[in-house]
PDB file of N, CA and C in Angstrom:
ATOM      1  N   MET A   1      -7.240 -16.721   2.595  1.00  0.00           N
ATOM      2  CA  MET A   1      -6.770 -15.593   1.830  1.00  0.00           C
ATOM      3  C   MET A   1      -7.386 -14.314   2.392  1.00  0.00           C
ATOM      4  N   THR A   2      -6.602 -13.267   2.329  1.00  0.00           N
ATOM      5  CA  THR A   2      -7.040 -11.952   2.771  1.00  0.00           C
ATOM      6  C   THR A   2      -6.672 -10.957   1.695  1.00  0.00           C
ATOM      7  N   CYS A   3      -7.377  -9.826   1.636  1.00  0.00           N
ATOM      8  CA  CYS A   3      -7.075  -8.857   0.580  1.00  0.00           C
ATOM      9  C   CYS A   3      -7.364  -7.428   1.025  1.00  0.00           C
ATOM     10  N   ASP A   4      -6.780  -6.495   0.292  1.00  0.00           N
ATOM     11  CA  ASP A   4      -7.060  -5.067   0.417  1.00  0.00           C
ATOM     12  C   ASP A   4      -7.230  -4.513  -0.986  1.00  0.00           C
ATOM     13  N   LEU A   5      -8.208  -3.637  -1.167  1.00  0.00           N
ATOM     14  CA  LEU A   5      -8.387  -2.925  -2.423  1.00  0.00           C
ATOM     15  C   LEU A   5      -7.804  -1.539  -2.228  1.00  0.00           C
ATOM     16  N   LEU A   6      -6.843  -1.187  -3.059  1.00  0.00           N
ATOM     17  CA  LEU A   6      -6.174   0.104  -2.956  1.00  0.00           C
ATOM     18  C   LEU A   6      -6.521   0.977  -4.148  1.00  0.00           C
ATOM     19  N   ARG A   7      -6.741   2.251  -3.904  1.00  0.00           N
ATOM     20  CA  ARG A   7      -6.912   3.244  -4.967  1.00  0.00           C
ATOM     21  C   ARG A   7      -5.648   4.070  -4.948  1.00  0.00           C
ATOM     22  N   VAL A   8      -4.905   4.061  -6.045  1.00  0.00           N
ATOM     23  CA  VAL A   8      -3.611   4.732  -6.067  1.00  0.00           C
ATOM     24  C   VAL A   8      -3.605   5.881  -7.075  1.00  0.00           C
ATOM     25  N   ALA A   9      -2.697   6.819  -6.854  1.00  0.00           N
ATOM     26  CA  ALA A   9      -2.569   7.999  -7.708  1.00  0.00           C
ATOM     27  C   ALA A   9      -2.047   7.618  -9.095  1.00  0.00           C
ATOM     28  N   ALA A  10      -2.305   8.492 -10.045  1.00  0.00           N
ATOM     29  CA  ALA A  10      -1.880   8.259 -11.429  1.00  0.00           C
ATOM     30  C   ALA A  10      -0.359   8.161 -11.551  1.00  0.00           C
ATOM     31  N   GLU A  11       0.382   8.740 -10.616  1.00  0.00           N
ATOM     32  CA  GLU A  11       1.846   8.724 -10.657  1.00  0.00           C
ATOM     33  C   GLU A  11       2.441   7.362 -10.316  1.00  0.00           C
ATOM     34  N   VAL A  12       1.641   6.468  -9.758  1.00  0.00           N
ATOM     35  CA  VAL A  12       2.144   5.157  -9.321  1.00  0.00           C
ATOM     36  C   VAL A  12       2.205   4.205 -10.513  1.00  0.00           C
ATOM     37  N   GLU A  13       3.395   3.687 -10.764  1.00  0.00           N
ATOM     38  CA  GLU A  13       3.621   2.734 -11.854  1.00  0.00           C
ATOM     39  C   GLU A  13       3.290   1.310 -11.411  1.00  0.00           C
ATOM     40  N   TYR A  14       3.735   0.960 -10.200  1.00  0.00           N
ATOM     41  CA  TYR A  14       3.442  -0.375  -9.680  1.00  0.00           C
ATOM     42  C   TYR A  14       3.459  -0.359  -8.162  1.00  0.00           C
ATOM     43  N   ILE A  15       2.880  -1.406  -7.590  1.00  0.00           N
ATOM     44  CA  ILE A  15       2.851  -1.635  -6.154  1.00  0.00           C
ATOM     45  C   ILE A  15       3.767  -2.819  -5.870  1.00  0.00           C
ATOM     46  N   GLN A  16       4.637  -2.658  -4.890  1.00  0.00           N
ATOM     47  CA  GLN A  16       5.461  -3.764  -4.420  1.00  0.00           C
ATOM     48  C   GLN A  16       4.820  -4.246  -3.126  1.00  0.00           C
ATOM     49  N   ALA A  17       4.274  -5.446  -3.133  1.00  0.00           N
ATOM     50  CA  ALA A  17       3.600  -6.018  -1.957  1.00  0.00           C
ATOM     51  C   ALA A  17       4.392  -7.233  -1.513  1.00  0.00           C
ATOM     52  N   GLY A  18       5.219  -7.050  -0.490  1.00  0.00           N
ATOM     53  CA  GLY A  18       6.117  -8.130  -0.104  1.00  0.00           C
ATOM     54  C   GLY A  18       7.091  -8.368  -1.239  1.00  0.00           C
ATOM     55  N   ASP A  19       7.137  -9.595  -1.743  1.00  0.00           N
ATOM     56  CA  ASP A  19       8.032  -9.947  -2.852  1.00  0.00           C
ATOM     57  C   ASP A  19       7.385  -9.775  -4.220  1.00  0.00           C
ATOM     58  N   ARG A  20       6.109  -9.409  -4.240  1.00  0.00           N
ATOM     59  CA  ARG A  20       5.380  -9.334  -5.509  1.00  0.00           C
ATOM     60  C   ARG A  20       5.302  -7.915  -6.043  1.00  0.00           C
ATOM     61  N   ARG A  21       5.446  -7.803  -7.354  1.00  0.00           N
ATOM     62  CA  ARG A  21       5.309  -6.532  -8.053  1.00  0.00           C
ATOM     63  C   ARG A  21       3.987  -6.574  -8.811  1.00  0.00           C
ATOM     64  N   ILE A  22       3.118  -5.585  -8.541  1.00  0.00           N
ATOM     65  CA  ILE A  22       1.789  -5.554  -9.146  1.00  0.00           C
ATOM     66  C   ILE A  22       1.652  -4.270  -9.964  1.00  0.00           C
ATOM     67  N   SER A  23       1.503  -4.406 -11.263  1.00  0.00           N
ATOM     68  CA  SER A  23       1.321  -3.237 -12.127  1.00  0.00           C
ATOM     69  C   SER A  23      -0.012  -2.575 -11.832  1.00  0.00           C
ATOM     70  N   VAL A  24      -0.033  -1.250 -11.924  1.00  0.00           N
ATOM     71  CA  VAL A  24      -1.263  -0.503 -11.671  1.00  0.00           C
ATOM     72  C   VAL A  24      -1.984  -0.270 -12.995  1.00  0.00           C
ATOM     73  N   PRO A  25      -3.219  -0.754 -13.127  1.00  0.00           N
ATOM     74  CA  PRO A  25      -3.974  -0.514 -14.356  1.00  0.00           C
ATOM     75  C   PRO A  25      -4.406   0.955 -14.464  1.00  0.00           C
ATOM     76  N   GLU A  26      -4.831   1.351 -15.629  1.00  0.00           N
ATOM     77  CA  GLU A  26      -5.223   2.747 -15.871  1.00  0.00           C
ATOM     78  C   GLU A  26      -6.298   3.243 -14.914  1.00  0.00           C
ATOM     79  N   HIS A  27      -7.221   2.373 -14.488  1.00  0.00           N
ATOM     80  CA  HIS A  27      -8.304   2.816 -13.600  1.00  0.00           C
ATOM     81  C   HIS A  27      -7.810   3.105 -12.184  1.00  0.00           C
ATOM     82  N   GLY A  28      -6.587   2.683 -11.835  1.00  0.00           N
ATOM     83  CA  GLY A  28      -5.985   3.050 -10.565  1.00  0.00           C
ATOM     84  C   GLY A  28      -6.361   2.211  -9.361  1.00  0.00           C
ATOM     85  N   TYR A  29      -7.079   1.116  -9.564  1.00  0.00           N
ATOM     86  CA  TYR A  29      -7.434   0.237  -8.448  1.00  0.00           C
ATOM     87  C   TYR A  29      -6.551  -1.005  -8.488  1.00  0.00           C
ATOM     88  N   VAL A  30      -6.026  -1.386  -7.327  1.00  0.00           N
ATOM     89  CA  VAL A  30      -5.174  -2.563  -7.228  1.00  0.00           C
ATOM     90  C   VAL A  30      -5.698  -3.439  -6.096  1.00  0.00           C
ATOM     91  N   LEU A  31      -5.880  -4.701  -6.378  1.00  0.00           N
ATOM     92  CA  LEU A  31      -6.304  -5.668  -5.369  1.00  0.00           C
ATOM     93  C   LEU A  31      -5.060  -6.440  -4.940  1.00  0.00           C
ATOM     94  N   VAL A  32      -4.720  -6.332  -3.656  1.00  0.00           N
ATOM     95  CA  VAL A  32      -3.573  -7.047  -3.105  1.00  0.00           C
ATOM     96  C   VAL A  32      -4.123  -8.201  -2.271  1.00  0.00           C
ATOM     97  N   VAL A  33      -3.723  -9.416  -2.628  1.00  0.00           N
ATOM     98  CA  VAL A  33      -4.197 -10.626  -1.947  1.00  0.00           C
ATOM     99  C   VAL A  33      -2.991 -11.333  -1.342  1.00  0.00           C
ATOM    100  N   TRP A  34      -3.154 -11.829  -0.103  1.00  0.00           N
ATOM    101  CA  TRP A  34      -2.081 -12.578   0.520  1.00  0.00           C
ATOM    102  C   TRP A  34      -2.660 -13.735   1.312  1.00  0.00           C
ATOM    103  N   LYS A  35      -1.829 -14.737   1.519  1.00  0.00           N
ATOM    104  CA  LYS A  35      -2.226 -15.937   2.253  1.00  0.00           C
ATOM    105  C   LYS A  35      -2.096 -15.665   3.742  1.00  0.00           C
ATOM    106  N   SER A  36      -3.065 -16.107   4.502  1.00  0.00           N
ATOM    107  CA  SER A  36      -3.025 -15.931   5.948  1.00  0.00           C
ATOM    108  C   SER A  36      -3.534 -17.198   6.623  1.00  0.00           C
ATOM    109  N   THR A  37      -3.091 -17.386   7.844  1.00  0.00           N
ATOM    110  CA  THR A  37      -3.552 -18.546   8.597  1.00  0.00           C
ATOM    111  C   THR A  37      -4.880 -18.205   9.270  1.00  0.00           C
ATOM    112  N   PRO A  38      -5.767 -19.180   9.427  1.00  0.00           N
ATOM    113  CA  PRO A  38      -7.043 -18.911  10.080  1.00  0.00           C
ATOM    114  C   PRO A  38      -6.842 -18.618  11.574  1.00  0.00           C
ATOM    115  N   THR A  39      -7.140 -17.403  11.979  1.00  0.00           N
ATOM    116  CA  THR A  39      -7.038 -16.992  13.384  1.00  0.00           C
ATOM    117  C   THR A  39      -8.178 -16.042  13.702  1.00  0.00           C
ATOM    118  N   ALA A  40      -8.351 -15.780  14.973  1.00  0.00           N
ATOM    119  CA  ALA A  40      -9.391 -14.838  15.397  1.00  0.00           C
ATOM    120  C   ALA A  40      -8.938 -13.392  15.206  1.00  0.00           C
ATOM    121  N   SER A  41      -7.626 -13.167  15.188  1.00  0.00           N
ATOM    122  CA  SER A  41      -7.125 -11.796  15.032  1.00  0.00           C
ATOM    123  C   SER A  41      -6.997 -11.446  13.549  1.00  0.00           C
ATOM    124  N   PRO A  42      -7.040 -10.160  13.231  1.00  0.00           N
ATOM    125  CA  PRO A  42      -6.913  -9.744  11.829  1.00  0.00           C
ATOM    126  C   PRO A  42      -5.553 -10.136  11.253  1.00  0.00           C
ATOM    127  N   SER A  43      -5.559 -10.483   9.993  1.00  0.00           N
ATOM    128  CA  SER A  43      -4.327 -10.852   9.303  1.00  0.00           C
ATOM    129  C   SER A  43      -3.506  -9.603   9.002  1.00  0.00           C
ATOM    130  N   ARG A  44      -2.201  -9.717   9.110  1.00  0.00           N
ATOM    131  CA  ARG A  44      -1.325  -8.579   8.809  1.00  0.00           C
ATOM    132  C   ARG A  44      -0.963  -8.610   7.341  1.00  0.00           C
ATOM    133  N   ARG A  45      -1.264  -7.510   6.668  1.00  0.00           N
ATOM    134  CA  ARG A  45      -0.953  -7.416   5.244  1.00  0.00           C
ATOM    135  C   ARG A  45       0.550  -7.309   5.045  1.00  0.00           C
ATOM    136  N   PRO A  46       1.035  -7.629   3.850  1.00  0.00           N
ATOM    137  CA  PRO A  46       2.465  -7.454   3.590  1.00  0.00           C
ATOM    138  C   PRO A  46       2.814  -5.962   3.526  1.00  0.00           C
ATOM    139  N   HIS A  47       4.083  -5.654   3.643  1.00  0.00           N
ATOM    140  CA  HIS A  47       4.552  -4.275   3.475  1.00  0.00           C
ATOM    141  C   HIS A  47       4.262  -3.871   2.030  1.00  0.00           C
ATOM    142  N   ILE A  48       3.624  -2.732   1.836  1.00  0.00           N
ATOM    143  CA  ILE A  48       3.228  -2.275   0.499  1.00  0.00           C
ATOM    144  C   ILE A  48       3.951  -0.976   0.184  1.00  0.00           C
ATOM    145  N   VAL A  49       4.554  -0.922  -1.008  1.00  0.00           N
ATOM    146  CA  VAL A  49       5.295   0.254  -1.451  1.00  0.00           C
ATOM    147  C   VAL A  49       4.741   0.695  -2.801  1.00  0.00           C
ATOM    148  N   ALA A  50       4.434   1.988  -2.930  1.00  0.00           N
ATOM    149  CA  ALA A  50       3.997   2.553  -4.209  1.00  0.00           C
ATOM    150  C   ALA A  50       5.214   3.159  -4.893  1.00  0.00           C
ATOM    151  N   VAL A  51       5.490   2.712  -6.122  1.00  0.00           N
ATOM    152  CA  VAL A  51       6.679   3.141  -6.854  1.00  0.00           C
ATOM    153  C   VAL A  51       6.258   3.905  -8.107  1.00  0.00           C
ATOM    154  N   GLY A  52       6.904   5.048  -8.334  1.00  0.00           N
ATOM    155  CA  GLY A  52       6.592   5.889  -9.490  1.00  0.00           C
ATOM    156  C   GLY A  52       7.291   5.411 -10.751  1.00  0.00           C
ATOM    157  N   ARG A  53       6.991   6.064 -11.863  1.00  0.00           N
ATOM    158  CA  ARG A  53       7.576   5.703 -13.161  1.00  0.00           C
ATOM    159  C   ARG A  53       9.093   5.842 -13.171  1.00  0.00           C
ATOM    160  N   ASP A  54       9.619   6.742 -12.339  1.00  0.00           N
ATOM    161  CA  ASP A  54      11.066   6.962 -12.277  1.00  0.00           C
ATOM    162  C   ASP A  54      11.768   5.957 -11.365  1.00  0.00           C
ATOM    163  N   GLY A  55      11.008   5.044 -10.756  1.00  0.00           N
ATOM    164  CA  GLY A  55      11.576   4.021  -9.893  1.00  0.00           C
ATOM    165  C   GLY A  55      11.724   4.423  -8.437  1.00  0.00           C
ATOM    166  N   PHE A  56      11.338   5.659  -8.107  1.00  0.00           N
ATOM    167  CA  PHE A  56      11.443   6.120  -6.727  1.00  0.00           C
ATOM    168  C   PHE A  56      10.192   5.756  -5.923  1.00  0.00           C
ATOM    169  N   VAL A  57      10.408   5.479  -4.644  1.00  0.00           N
ATOM    170  CA  VAL A  57       9.308   5.167  -3.737  1.00  0.00           C
ATOM    171  C   VAL A  57       8.508   6.439  -3.485  1.00  0.00           C
ATOM    172  N   LEU A  58       7.190   6.361  -3.701  1.00  0.00           N
ATOM    173  CA  LEU A  58       6.315   7.508  -3.473  1.00  0.00           C
ATOM    174  C   LEU A  58       5.740   7.484  -2.062  1.00  0.00           C
ATOM    175  N   THR A  59       5.366   6.306  -1.599  1.00  0.00           N
ATOM    176  CA  THR A  59       4.819   6.157  -0.249  1.00  0.00           C
ATOM    177  C   THR A  59       4.841   4.690   0.133  1.00  0.00           C
ATOM    178  N   GLU A  60       4.689   4.420   1.425  1.00  0.00           N
ATOM    179  CA  GLU A  60       4.703   3.050   1.933  1.00  0.00           C
ATOM    180  C   GLU A  60       3.562   2.860   2.922  1.00  0.00           C
ATOM    181  N   LEU A  61       3.106   1.614   3.008  1.00  0.00           N
ATOM    182  CA  LEU A  61       2.057   1.242   3.945  1.00  0.00           C
ATOM    183  C   LEU A  61       2.520  -0.025   4.668  1.00  0.00           C
ATOM    184  N   GLY A  62       2.804   0.118   5.968  1.00  0.00           N
ATOM    185  CA  GLY A  62       3.298  -1.014   6.753  1.00  0.00           C
ATOM    186  C   GLY A  62       2.186  -1.992   7.085  1.00  0.00           C
ATOM    187  N   PRO A  63       2.552  -3.186   7.539  1.00  0.00           N
ATOM    188  CA  PRO A  63       1.571  -4.227   7.850  1.00  0.00           C
ATOM    189  C   PRO A  63       0.487  -3.808   8.843  1.00  0.00           C
ATOM    190  N   GLY A  64       0.808  -2.996   9.820  1.00  0.00           N
ATOM    191  CA  GLY A  64      -0.184  -2.581  10.808  1.00  0.00           C
ATOM    192  C   GLY A  64      -0.668  -1.152  10.634  1.00  0.00           C
ATOM    193  N   ASP A  65      -0.263  -0.499   9.553  1.00  0.00           N
ATOM    194  CA  ASP A  65      -0.604   0.914   9.342  1.00  0.00           C
ATOM    195  C   ASP A  65      -1.974   1.095   8.694  1.00  0.00           C
ATOM    196  N   TYR A  66      -2.612   2.202   9.064  1.00  0.00           N
ATOM    197  CA  TYR A  66      -3.875   2.578   8.424  1.00  0.00           C
ATOM    198  C   TYR A  66      -3.685   3.774   7.504  1.00  0.00           C
ATOM    199  N   LEU A  67      -2.573   4.490   7.687  1.00  0.00           N
ATOM    200  CA  LEU A  67      -2.224   5.612   6.825  1.00  0.00           C
ATOM    201  C   LEU A  67      -0.881   5.332   6.170  1.00  0.00           C
ATOM    202  N   ASP A  68      -0.747   5.709   4.904  1.00  0.00           N
ATOM    203  CA  ASP A  68       0.530   5.548   4.235  1.00  0.00           C
ATOM    204  C   ASP A  68       1.501   6.630   4.731  1.00  0.00           C
ATOM    205  N   SER A  69       2.785   6.443   4.442  1.00  0.00           N
ATOM    206  CA  SER A  69       3.820   7.335   4.970  1.00  0.00           C
ATOM    207  C   SER A  69       3.685   8.767   4.457  1.00  0.00           C
ATOM    208  N   LEU A  70       3.265   8.966   3.225  1.00  0.00           N
ATOM    209  CA  LEU A  70       3.106  10.315   2.673  1.00  0.00           C
ATOM    210  C   LEU A  70       1.953  11.061   3.348  1.00  0.00           C
ATOM    211  N   THR A  71       0.840  10.394   3.536  1.00  0.00           N
ATOM    212  CA  THR A  71      -0.310  11.009   4.217  1.00  0.00           C
ATOM    213  C   THR A  71       0.038  11.321   5.662  1.00  0.00           C
ATOM    214  N   ARG A  72       0.696  10.381   6.333  1.00  0.00           N
ATOM    215  CA  ARG A  72       1.091  10.594   7.726  1.00  0.00           C
ATOM    216  C   ARG A  72       2.020  11.805   7.850  1.00  0.00           C
ATOM    217  N   ALA A  73       3.001  11.922   6.967  1.00  0.00           N
ATOM    218  CA  ALA A  73       3.937  13.048   7.006  1.00  0.00           C
ATOM    219  C   ALA A  73       3.200  14.364   6.775  1.00  0.00           C
ATOM    220  N   SER A  74       2.248  14.376   5.862  1.00  0.00           N
ATOM    221  CA  SER A  74       1.466  15.584   5.581  1.00  0.00           C
ATOM    222  C   SER A  74       0.653  15.998   6.801  1.00  0.00           C
ATOM    223  N   LEU A  75       0.034  15.021   7.454  1.00  0.00           N
ATOM    224  CA  LEU A  75      -0.760  15.322   8.644  1.00  0.00           C
ATOM    225  C   LEU A  75       0.121  15.787   9.803  1.00  0.00           C
ATOM    226  N   GLU A  76       1.297  15.187   9.940  1.00  0.00           N
ATOM    227  CA  GLU A  76       2.225  15.607  10.989  1.00  0.00           C
ATOM    228  C   GLU A  76       2.694  17.047  10.760  1.00  0.00           C
ATOM    229  N   ASP A  77       2.953  17.397   9.480  1.00  0.00           N
ATOM    230  CA  ASP A  77       3.357  18.767   9.147  1.00  0.00           C
ATOM    231  C   ASP A  77       2.282  19.770   9.524  1.00  0.00           C
ATOM    232  N   GLN A  78       1.038  19.341   9.427  1.00  0.00           N
ATOM    233  CA  GLN A  78      -0.092  20.223   9.764  1.00  0.00           C
ATOM    234  C   GLN A  78      -0.491  20.072  11.226  1.00  0.00           C
ATOM    235  N   SER A  79       0.269  19.272  11.979  1.00  0.00           N
ATOM    236  CA  SER A  79       0.008  19.017  13.406  1.00  0.00           C
ATOM    237  C   SER A  79      -1.392  18.461  13.653  1.00  0.00           C
ATOM    238  N   LEU A  80      -1.853  17.595  12.752  1.00  0.00           N
ATOM    239  CA  LEU A  80      -3.178  17.001  12.890  1.00  0.00           C
ATOM    240  C   LEU A  80      -3.142  15.631  13.561  1.00  0.00           C
ATOM    241  N   ILE A  81      -1.957  15.029  13.654  1.00  0.00           N
ATOM    242  CA  ILE A  81      -1.859  13.743  14.375  1.00  0.00           C
ATOM    243  C   ILE A  81      -0.702  13.802  15.341  1.00  0.00           C
TER     244      ILE A  81
END
């Protein structure tokens, strides 16, 4: 098993991690756990999507990404990456 601890904004209603929907508790921390095979290389997390109360996607985090799509877009707008 492998996991990531995510801290999400108050606007996020739930996290979609692969096929699983994970409700975000009031404290804003979400633990995403997935099954992985034992290998020497790091396990690839599932595609993670943060969804707001209105049902719209707020941001996404791909399996090999270190920055979510909203943060990446903000940094690109500022020409920082």
